[in-house]
Amino acid sequence: MEKIEYNLDATDLKIMRLMQDNARINNADIARELGMAPSGILERVKKLENKNVIIAYHAKINPVAVGQKLLSFIFIKTIDIIGDETVGRQLAEIPEVLEVHDIAGEDGYLIKVRTSDSEGLVELMRQHLSKIGGITSTRTTIVLQTIKEEQNIVIPTV
C-alpha cells in the first residue's frame, strides 16, 4: 500500500476542525475566525477536497426520529482468505449496515447495524446475511444504551 503524504499545515488543521464541528460553516465565517480572506479559505478547502482530506459533507440524523431504534454490532466469521474482500463488499451493500470493518482475530468482520427493532434485526439476518456465501457464523451484540457515539476524529493542533 502506497503511503500518502498530505502535508497539512496549522491553517489546514484549523479549517478542518471548524468544518468538522459545523459542516455548514461558510467560507466567510472561517475566514473571519482565522483572519484570512474568504478566497484564500475557498482555495484551501478545494485543495483539501482534491487531496481527499475532506471526503464528504453530511447531516447527522437522529436514528430514533426515523424509526431506527436498535443498534447492534455483529461479528462475522467467514471462509475468506486474507485479503479477499468479497464478503465485506457484499455486507457493505446492505442498507442497514452502517460500518464494515475487516478485523484481526477469529472473526473476519465487524459490522455496525441499525434496525427498527429486534424483528428488523432478525429480518436483516434472514434476508441478507444468510444469503451471503462464505459466512460461517455470526455473533450479535445488541446495544442497550449509547453513552457516546461520535463521528468526529481528533484533529491535532500544531
N, C-alpha and C. Protein backbone atom coordinates (compact mmCIF):
# COMPACT_ATOMS: atom_id res chain seq x y z
N MET A 1 0.84 -1.18 0.00
CA MET A 1 0.00 0.00 0.00
C MET A 1 0.88 1.24 0.00
N GLU A 2 0.59 2.16 -0.88
CA GLU A 2 1.36 3.39 -1.03
C GLU A 2 1.01 4.36 0.10
N LYS A 3 2.07 4.92 0.72
CA LYS A 3 1.86 5.90 1.78
C LYS A 3 1.62 7.26 1.14
N ILE A 4 0.55 7.91 1.56
CA ILE A 4 0.19 9.21 1.01
C ILE A 4 0.66 10.30 1.96
N GLU A 5 1.33 11.31 1.42
CA GLU A 5 1.76 12.47 2.20
C GLU A 5 0.74 13.59 1.99
N TYR A 6 0.13 14.04 3.07
CA TYR A 6 -0.88 15.08 2.95
C TYR A 6 -0.31 16.49 3.15
N ASN A 7 0.78 16.62 3.89
CA ASN A 7 1.43 17.92 4.12
C ASN A 7 0.44 19.00 4.56
N LEU A 8 -0.18 18.78 5.70
CA LEU A 8 -1.16 19.72 6.24
C LEU A 8 -0.46 20.70 7.18
N ASP A 9 -0.80 21.98 7.06
CA ASP A 9 -0.22 22.96 7.98
C ASP A 9 -1.25 23.34 9.05
N ALA A 10 -0.86 24.23 9.94
CA ALA A 10 -1.72 24.62 11.06
C ALA A 10 -3.04 25.23 10.58
N THR A 11 -3.00 25.99 9.50
CA THR A 11 -4.23 26.60 8.97
C THR A 11 -5.17 25.53 8.43
N ASP A 12 -4.62 24.55 7.70
CA ASP A 12 -5.45 23.43 7.21
C ASP A 12 -6.14 22.74 8.38
N LEU A 13 -5.39 22.48 9.44
CA LEU A 13 -5.95 21.78 10.60
C LEU A 13 -7.05 22.60 11.27
N LYS A 14 -6.86 23.91 11.35
CA LYS A 14 -7.90 24.78 11.94
C LYS A 14 -9.16 24.76 11.07
N ILE A 15 -8.98 24.84 9.77
CA ILE A 15 -10.12 24.78 8.85
C ILE A 15 -10.86 23.45 9.04
N MET A 16 -10.12 22.36 9.12
CA MET A 16 -10.74 21.04 9.28
C MET A 16 -11.51 20.95 10.59
N ARG A 17 -10.94 21.50 11.68
CA ARG A 17 -11.65 21.47 12.97
C ARG A 17 -12.95 22.25 12.89
N LEU A 18 -12.91 23.44 12.30
CA LEU A 18 -14.12 24.26 12.18
C LEU A 18 -15.18 23.55 11.32
N MET A 19 -14.74 22.96 10.22
CA MET A 19 -15.69 22.30 9.32
C MET A 19 -16.24 21.01 9.92
N GLN A 20 -15.41 20.32 10.69
CA GLN A 20 -15.89 19.10 11.33
C GLN A 20 -16.94 19.43 12.40
N ASP A 21 -16.75 20.52 13.11
CA ASP A 21 -17.72 20.93 14.13
C ASP A 21 -19.02 21.43 13.50
N ASN A 22 -18.93 22.04 12.31
CA ASN A 22 -20.11 22.56 11.63
C ASN A 22 -19.88 22.51 10.12
N ALA A 23 -20.35 21.47 9.47
CA ALA A 23 -20.13 21.31 8.03
C ALA A 23 -20.84 22.39 7.22
N ARG A 24 -21.77 23.09 7.82
CA ARG A 24 -22.49 24.16 7.12
C ARG A 24 -21.80 25.52 7.24
N ILE A 25 -20.69 25.57 7.95
CA ILE A 25 -19.99 26.85 8.10
C ILE A 25 -19.55 27.35 6.73
N ASN A 26 -19.71 28.63 6.49
CA ASN A 26 -19.33 29.16 5.17
C ASN A 26 -17.91 29.71 5.20
N ASN A 27 -17.38 29.93 4.02
CA ASN A 27 -16.00 30.39 3.89
C ASN A 27 -15.77 31.73 4.58
N ALA A 28 -16.76 32.62 4.52
CA ALA A 28 -16.61 33.93 5.15
C ALA A 28 -16.46 33.79 6.67
N ASP A 29 -17.23 32.88 7.28
CA ASP A 29 -17.13 32.66 8.72
C ASP A 29 -15.78 32.05 9.10
N ILE A 30 -15.32 31.11 8.29
CA ILE A 30 -14.00 30.52 8.54
C ILE A 30 -12.92 31.60 8.41
N ALA A 31 -13.04 32.41 7.37
CA ALA A 31 -12.06 33.48 7.13
C ALA A 31 -12.01 34.44 8.31
N ARG A 32 -13.18 34.83 8.82
CA ARG A 32 -13.24 35.72 9.98
C ARG A 32 -12.56 35.08 11.19
N GLU A 33 -12.85 33.80 11.41
CA GLU A 33 -12.29 33.06 12.55
C GLU A 33 -10.76 32.98 12.46
N LEU A 34 -10.23 32.85 11.24
CA LEU A 34 -8.79 32.65 11.06
C LEU A 34 -8.06 33.93 10.63
N GLY A 35 -8.81 35.00 10.41
CA GLY A 35 -8.18 36.25 9.99
C GLY A 35 -7.61 36.18 8.59
N MET A 36 -8.35 35.54 7.70
CA MET A 36 -7.90 35.38 6.32
C MET A 36 -8.98 35.88 5.36
N ALA A 37 -8.64 35.94 4.08
CA ALA A 37 -9.61 36.31 3.05
C ALA A 37 -10.46 35.08 2.69
N PRO A 38 -11.77 35.28 2.45
CA PRO A 38 -12.62 34.15 2.05
C PRO A 38 -12.09 33.42 0.81
N SER A 39 -11.49 34.14 -0.13
CA SER A 39 -10.96 33.48 -1.34
C SER A 39 -9.83 32.53 -0.97
N GLY A 40 -9.01 32.89 0.02
CA GLY A 40 -7.93 32.01 0.48
C GLY A 40 -8.48 30.75 1.13
N ILE A 41 -9.57 30.91 1.88
CA ILE A 41 -10.22 29.76 2.52
C ILE A 41 -10.79 28.83 1.45
N LEU A 42 -11.48 29.42 0.46
CA LEU A 42 -12.05 28.62 -0.62
C LEU A 42 -10.97 27.80 -1.31
N GLU A 43 -9.85 28.42 -1.60
CA GLU A 43 -8.74 27.72 -2.27
C GLU A 43 -8.22 26.57 -1.41
N ARG A 44 -8.05 26.82 -0.11
CA ARG A 44 -7.56 25.77 0.79
C ARG A 44 -8.56 24.62 0.91
N VAL A 45 -9.85 24.95 1.03
CA VAL A 45 -10.87 23.90 1.14
C VAL A 45 -10.88 23.05 -0.13
N LYS A 46 -10.80 23.68 -1.29
CA LYS A 46 -10.75 22.93 -2.56
C LYS A 46 -9.54 22.00 -2.60
N LYS A 47 -8.39 22.48 -2.12
CA LYS A 47 -7.19 21.64 -2.09
C LYS A 47 -7.38 20.46 -1.14
N LEU A 48 -8.00 20.71 0.02
CA LEU A 48 -8.26 19.63 0.97
C LEU A 48 -9.21 18.59 0.37
N GLU A 49 -10.19 19.05 -0.39
CA GLU A 49 -11.10 18.12 -1.07
C GLU A 49 -10.36 17.34 -2.15
N ASN A 50 -9.54 18.01 -2.94
CA ASN A 50 -8.81 17.35 -4.03
C ASN A 50 -7.81 16.32 -3.51
N LYS A 51 -7.25 16.55 -2.32
CA LYS A 51 -6.29 15.62 -1.72
C LYS A 51 -6.99 14.48 -0.96
N ASN A 52 -8.33 14.49 -0.97
CA ASN A 52 -9.13 13.52 -0.21
C ASN A 52 -8.88 13.60 1.29
N VAL A 53 -8.60 14.79 1.78
CA VAL A 53 -8.54 15.03 3.21
C VAL A 53 -9.97 15.25 3.71
N ILE A 54 -10.70 16.12 3.03
CA ILE A 54 -12.14 16.27 3.26
C ILE A 54 -12.81 15.39 2.22
N ILE A 55 -13.51 14.35 2.70
CA ILE A 55 -14.05 13.37 1.75
C ILE A 55 -15.56 13.43 1.59
N ALA A 56 -16.27 14.13 2.49
CA ALA A 56 -17.73 14.22 2.35
C ALA A 56 -18.29 15.23 3.34
N TYR A 57 -19.52 15.64 3.09
CA TYR A 57 -20.26 16.53 3.98
C TYR A 57 -21.58 15.81 4.30
N HIS A 58 -21.93 15.76 5.60
CA HIS A 58 -23.13 15.02 6.00
C HIS A 58 -23.95 15.78 7.03
N ALA A 59 -25.24 15.51 7.02
CA ALA A 59 -26.11 15.93 8.11
C ALA A 59 -26.20 14.74 9.07
N LYS A 60 -26.14 14.98 10.35
CA LYS A 60 -26.26 13.91 11.34
C LYS A 60 -27.73 13.80 11.72
N ILE A 61 -28.34 12.67 11.40
CA ILE A 61 -29.77 12.44 11.62
C ILE A 61 -29.96 11.60 12.89
N ASN A 62 -30.94 11.98 13.69
CA ASN A 62 -31.28 11.19 14.87
C ASN A 62 -31.93 9.89 14.41
N PRO A 63 -31.30 8.73 14.65
CA PRO A 63 -31.86 7.47 14.15
C PRO A 63 -33.25 7.14 14.71
N VAL A 64 -33.52 7.55 15.93
CA VAL A 64 -34.83 7.28 16.53
C VAL A 64 -35.92 8.03 15.79
N ALA A 65 -35.60 9.22 15.28
CA ALA A 65 -36.58 10.03 14.55
C ALA A 65 -37.06 9.34 13.29
N VAL A 66 -36.26 8.44 12.74
CA VAL A 66 -36.65 7.72 11.52
C VAL A 66 -36.87 6.24 11.79
N GLY A 67 -37.15 5.91 13.06
CA GLY A 67 -37.54 4.55 13.41
C GLY A 67 -36.41 3.54 13.51
N GLN A 68 -35.18 3.99 13.53
CA GLN A 68 -34.04 3.07 13.64
C GLN A 68 -33.57 3.03 15.09
N LYS A 69 -34.34 2.37 15.95
CA LYS A 69 -34.11 2.41 17.39
C LYS A 69 -33.10 1.39 17.89
N LEU A 70 -32.86 0.31 17.14
CA LEU A 70 -31.99 -0.76 17.63
C LEU A 70 -30.62 -0.68 16.97
N LEU A 71 -29.60 -0.55 17.81
CA LEU A 71 -28.21 -0.55 17.35
C LEU A 71 -27.57 -1.87 17.75
N SER A 72 -26.92 -2.52 16.79
CA SER A 72 -26.28 -3.80 17.04
C SER A 72 -24.92 -3.85 16.38
N PHE A 73 -24.05 -4.66 16.95
CA PHE A 73 -22.75 -4.96 16.35
C PHE A 73 -22.72 -6.46 16.10
N ILE A 74 -22.31 -6.86 14.91
CA ILE A 74 -22.30 -8.27 14.56
C ILE A 74 -20.89 -8.66 14.15
N PHE A 75 -20.33 -9.64 14.86
CA PHE A 75 -19.05 -10.23 14.49
C PHE A 75 -19.35 -11.35 13.50
N ILE A 76 -18.62 -11.39 12.42
CA ILE A 76 -18.90 -12.35 11.35
C ILE A 76 -17.66 -13.16 11.03
N LYS A 77 -17.79 -14.48 11.13
CA LYS A 77 -16.71 -15.38 10.71
C LYS A 77 -16.97 -15.78 9.26
N THR A 78 -15.89 -15.85 8.49
CA THR A 78 -16.01 -16.19 7.08
C THR A 78 -14.95 -17.22 6.70
N ILE A 79 -15.11 -17.75 5.50
CA ILE A 79 -14.10 -18.65 4.96
C ILE A 79 -13.15 -17.91 4.03
N ASP A 80 -13.30 -16.58 3.97
CA ASP A 80 -12.42 -15.76 3.12
C ASP A 80 -10.96 -15.97 3.49
N ILE A 81 -10.11 -15.95 2.48
CA ILE A 81 -8.68 -15.95 2.74
C ILE A 81 -8.26 -14.51 2.99
N ILE A 82 -7.14 -14.32 3.64
CA ILE A 82 -6.65 -12.97 3.96
C ILE A 82 -6.52 -12.16 2.67
N GLY A 83 -7.08 -10.97 2.70
CA GLY A 83 -7.02 -10.09 1.55
C GLY A 83 -8.23 -10.18 0.63
N ASP A 84 -9.05 -11.22 0.79
CA ASP A 84 -10.26 -11.36 -0.03
C ASP A 84 -11.36 -10.53 0.62
N GLU A 85 -11.89 -9.57 -0.11
CA GLU A 85 -12.92 -8.67 0.44
C GLU A 85 -14.31 -8.97 -0.10
N THR A 86 -14.51 -10.15 -0.65
CA THR A 86 -15.79 -10.48 -1.28
C THR A 86 -16.95 -10.34 -0.30
N VAL A 87 -16.84 -10.96 0.87
CA VAL A 87 -17.92 -10.89 1.85
C VAL A 87 -18.07 -9.45 2.35
N GLY A 88 -16.98 -8.78 2.60
CA GLY A 88 -17.03 -7.40 3.08
C GLY A 88 -17.76 -6.48 2.11
N ARG A 89 -17.51 -6.65 0.83
CA ARG A 89 -18.19 -5.81 -0.17
C ARG A 89 -19.69 -6.12 -0.20
N GLN A 90 -20.05 -7.39 -0.04
CA GLN A 90 -21.48 -7.74 -0.01
C GLN A 90 -22.15 -7.19 1.24
N LEU A 91 -21.45 -7.23 2.37
CA LEU A 91 -22.00 -6.66 3.60
C LEU A 91 -22.23 -5.16 3.44
N ALA A 92 -21.30 -4.48 2.78
CA ALA A 92 -21.39 -3.04 2.60
C ALA A 92 -22.58 -2.62 1.74
N GLU A 93 -23.12 -3.52 0.96
CA GLU A 93 -24.26 -3.20 0.10
C GLU A 93 -25.60 -3.23 0.84
N ILE A 94 -25.63 -3.76 2.06
CA ILE A 94 -26.87 -3.86 2.83
C ILE A 94 -27.16 -2.49 3.44
N PRO A 95 -28.32 -1.90 3.15
CA PRO A 95 -28.61 -0.53 3.60
C PRO A 95 -28.52 -0.33 5.12
N GLU A 96 -28.94 -1.31 5.90
CA GLU A 96 -28.94 -1.18 7.36
C GLU A 96 -27.54 -1.27 7.96
N VAL A 97 -26.58 -1.73 7.18
CA VAL A 97 -25.20 -1.85 7.66
C VAL A 97 -24.53 -0.48 7.52
N LEU A 98 -24.17 0.10 8.65
CA LEU A 98 -23.58 1.43 8.67
C LEU A 98 -22.06 1.40 8.53
N GLU A 99 -21.43 0.36 9.04
CA GLU A 99 -19.98 0.24 9.00
C GLU A 99 -19.61 -1.22 8.78
N VAL A 100 -18.54 -1.44 8.03
CA VAL A 100 -17.98 -2.77 7.82
C VAL A 100 -16.49 -2.67 8.09
N HIS A 101 -16.02 -3.47 9.04
CA HIS A 101 -14.59 -3.46 9.40
C HIS A 101 -14.01 -4.85 9.23
N ASP A 102 -12.92 -4.96 8.49
CA ASP A 102 -12.14 -6.18 8.35
C ASP A 102 -11.22 -6.20 9.57
N ILE A 103 -11.39 -7.17 10.46
CA ILE A 103 -10.70 -7.14 11.75
C ILE A 103 -9.75 -8.32 11.93
N ALA A 104 -8.80 -8.14 12.83
CA ALA A 104 -7.87 -9.20 13.20
C ALA A 104 -8.55 -10.10 14.24
N GLY A 105 -8.11 -11.32 14.33
CA GLY A 105 -8.66 -12.24 15.31
C GLY A 105 -9.50 -13.32 14.65
N GLU A 106 -10.28 -14.01 15.45
CA GLU A 106 -11.09 -15.12 14.95
C GLU A 106 -12.13 -14.70 13.93
N ASP A 107 -12.74 -13.56 14.18
CA ASP A 107 -13.79 -13.08 13.28
C ASP A 107 -13.15 -12.34 12.11
N GLY A 108 -13.79 -12.40 10.96
CA GLY A 108 -13.27 -11.71 9.79
C GLY A 108 -13.76 -10.28 9.70
N TYR A 109 -14.99 -10.05 10.13
CA TYR A 109 -15.59 -8.72 10.00
C TYR A 109 -16.37 -8.36 11.25
N LEU A 110 -16.45 -7.05 11.48
CA LEU A 110 -17.33 -6.49 12.50
C LEU A 110 -18.18 -5.46 11.78
N ILE A 111 -19.50 -5.60 11.89
CA ILE A 111 -20.39 -4.64 11.25
C ILE A 111 -21.25 -3.94 12.30
N LYS A 112 -21.57 -2.68 12.00
CA LYS A 112 -22.47 -1.89 12.83
C LYS A 112 -23.78 -1.78 12.07
N VAL A 113 -24.88 -2.10 12.74
CA VAL A 113 -26.18 -2.21 12.08
C VAL A 113 -27.23 -1.43 12.86
N ARG A 114 -28.10 -0.72 12.15
CA ARG A 114 -29.26 -0.09 12.78
C ARG A 114 -30.52 -0.64 12.14
N THR A 115 -31.45 -1.08 12.99
CA THR A 115 -32.75 -1.57 12.53
C THR A 115 -33.83 -0.98 13.42
N SER A 116 -35.08 -1.19 13.03
CA SER A 116 -36.19 -0.63 13.79
C SER A 116 -36.33 -1.28 15.16
N ASP A 117 -36.12 -2.59 15.21
CA ASP A 117 -36.30 -3.35 16.45
C ASP A 117 -35.69 -4.73 16.26
N SER A 118 -35.91 -5.62 17.23
CA SER A 118 -35.31 -6.96 17.14
C SER A 118 -35.88 -7.75 15.96
N GLU A 119 -37.15 -7.53 15.63
CA GLU A 119 -37.71 -8.21 14.46
C GLU A 119 -37.01 -7.75 13.18
N GLY A 120 -36.69 -6.47 13.11
CA GLY A 120 -35.95 -5.95 11.96
C GLY A 120 -34.56 -6.55 11.87
N LEU A 121 -33.93 -6.78 13.02
CA LEU A 121 -32.60 -7.40 13.05
C LEU A 121 -32.69 -8.85 12.55
N VAL A 122 -33.70 -9.57 13.02
CA VAL A 122 -33.89 -10.95 12.56
C VAL A 122 -34.13 -10.98 11.06
N GLU A 123 -34.94 -10.06 10.56
CA GLU A 123 -35.22 -9.97 9.13
C GLU A 123 -33.95 -9.71 8.34
N LEU A 124 -33.12 -8.79 8.83
CA LEU A 124 -31.85 -8.50 8.17
C LEU A 124 -30.97 -9.74 8.09
N MET A 125 -30.93 -10.48 9.18
CA MET A 125 -30.09 -11.68 9.20
C MET A 125 -30.64 -12.75 8.26
N ARG A 126 -31.96 -12.90 8.22
CA ARG A 126 -32.56 -13.91 7.34
C ARG A 126 -32.50 -13.52 5.87
N GLN A 127 -32.80 -12.27 5.58
CA GLN A 127 -32.89 -11.83 4.19
C GLN A 127 -31.56 -11.46 3.56
N HIS A 128 -30.59 -11.10 4.38
CA HIS A 128 -29.32 -10.62 3.82
C HIS A 128 -28.13 -11.49 4.23
N LEU A 129 -27.85 -11.56 5.54
CA LEU A 129 -26.65 -12.26 5.98
C LEU A 129 -26.67 -13.74 5.61
N SER A 130 -27.82 -14.37 5.75
CA SER A 130 -27.88 -15.81 5.45
C SER A 130 -27.67 -16.12 3.97
N LYS A 131 -27.81 -15.12 3.14
CA LYS A 131 -27.68 -15.33 1.69
C LYS A 131 -26.28 -15.00 1.15
N ILE A 132 -25.39 -14.57 2.03
CA ILE A 132 -24.02 -14.27 1.61
C ILE A 132 -23.17 -15.52 1.79
N GLY A 133 -22.70 -16.06 0.69
CA GLY A 133 -21.84 -17.24 0.75
C GLY A 133 -20.53 -16.88 1.41
N GLY A 134 -20.00 -17.78 2.18
CA GLY A 134 -18.72 -17.54 2.84
C GLY A 134 -18.85 -17.20 4.31
N ILE A 135 -20.04 -16.82 4.76
CA ILE A 135 -20.24 -16.56 6.19
C ILE A 135 -20.47 -17.89 6.88
N THR A 136 -19.63 -18.18 7.89
CA THR A 136 -19.77 -19.44 8.62
C THR A 136 -20.51 -19.28 9.94
N SER A 137 -20.41 -18.10 10.56
CA SER A 137 -21.16 -17.86 11.80
C SER A 137 -21.20 -16.37 12.11
N THR A 138 -22.15 -16.01 12.96
CA THR A 138 -22.27 -14.63 13.42
C THR A 138 -22.44 -14.62 14.93
N ARG A 139 -22.04 -13.51 15.53
CA ARG A 139 -22.23 -13.29 16.96
C ARG A 139 -22.69 -11.85 17.11
N THR A 140 -23.89 -11.66 17.66
CA THR A 140 -24.51 -10.34 17.70
C THR A 140 -24.52 -9.77 19.11
N THR A 141 -24.16 -8.50 19.22
CA THR A 141 -24.26 -7.76 20.47
C THR A 141 -25.25 -6.63 20.25
N ILE A 142 -26.30 -6.59 21.07
CA ILE A 142 -27.32 -5.55 20.98
C ILE A 142 -26.98 -4.47 22.00
N VAL A 143 -27.00 -3.22 21.56
CA VAL A 143 -26.68 -2.09 22.42
C VAL A 143 -27.91 -1.73 23.25
N LEU A 144 -27.75 -1.68 24.56
CA LEU A 144 -28.84 -1.32 25.45
C LEU A 144 -28.97 0.20 25.60
N GLN A 145 -27.83 0.87 25.66
CA GLN A 145 -27.82 2.32 25.83
C GLN A 145 -26.52 2.84 25.23
N THR A 146 -26.59 3.96 24.53
CA THR A 146 -25.40 4.57 23.95
C THR A 146 -24.98 5.74 24.83
N ILE A 147 -23.76 5.68 25.32
CA ILE A 147 -23.21 6.75 26.15
C ILE A 147 -22.58 7.81 25.25
N LYS A 148 -21.86 7.37 24.24
CA LYS A 148 -21.24 8.29 23.29
C LYS A 148 -21.19 7.62 21.93
N GLU A 149 -21.60 8.37 20.91
CA GLU A 149 -21.49 7.91 19.52
C GLU A 149 -21.06 9.12 18.72
N GLU A 150 -19.86 9.12 18.27
CA GLU A 150 -19.29 10.30 17.63
C GLU A 150 -18.57 9.91 16.35
N GLN A 151 -18.71 10.72 15.33
CA GLN A 151 -18.00 10.51 14.08
C GLN A 151 -16.78 11.42 13.94
N ASN A 152 -16.73 12.47 14.76
CA ASN A 152 -15.62 13.40 14.67
C ASN A 152 -14.32 12.73 15.11
N ILE A 153 -13.24 13.00 14.38
CA ILE A 153 -11.95 12.47 14.76
C ILE A 153 -11.15 13.57 15.45
N VAL A 154 -10.12 13.19 16.18
CA VAL A 154 -9.27 14.17 16.83
C VAL A 154 -8.32 14.73 15.78
N ILE A 155 -8.41 16.03 15.58
CA ILE A 155 -7.52 16.71 14.63
C ILE A 155 -6.42 17.37 15.47
N PRO A 156 -5.17 17.03 15.20
CA PRO A 156 -4.09 17.54 16.05
C PRO A 156 -3.93 19.06 15.93
N THR A 157 -3.38 19.62 16.99
CA THR A 157 -3.01 21.03 16.95
C THR A 157 -1.51 21.07 16.73
N VAL A 158 -1.06 22.09 16.02
CA VAL A 158 0.37 22.20 15.73
C VAL A 158 1.01 23.18 16.67
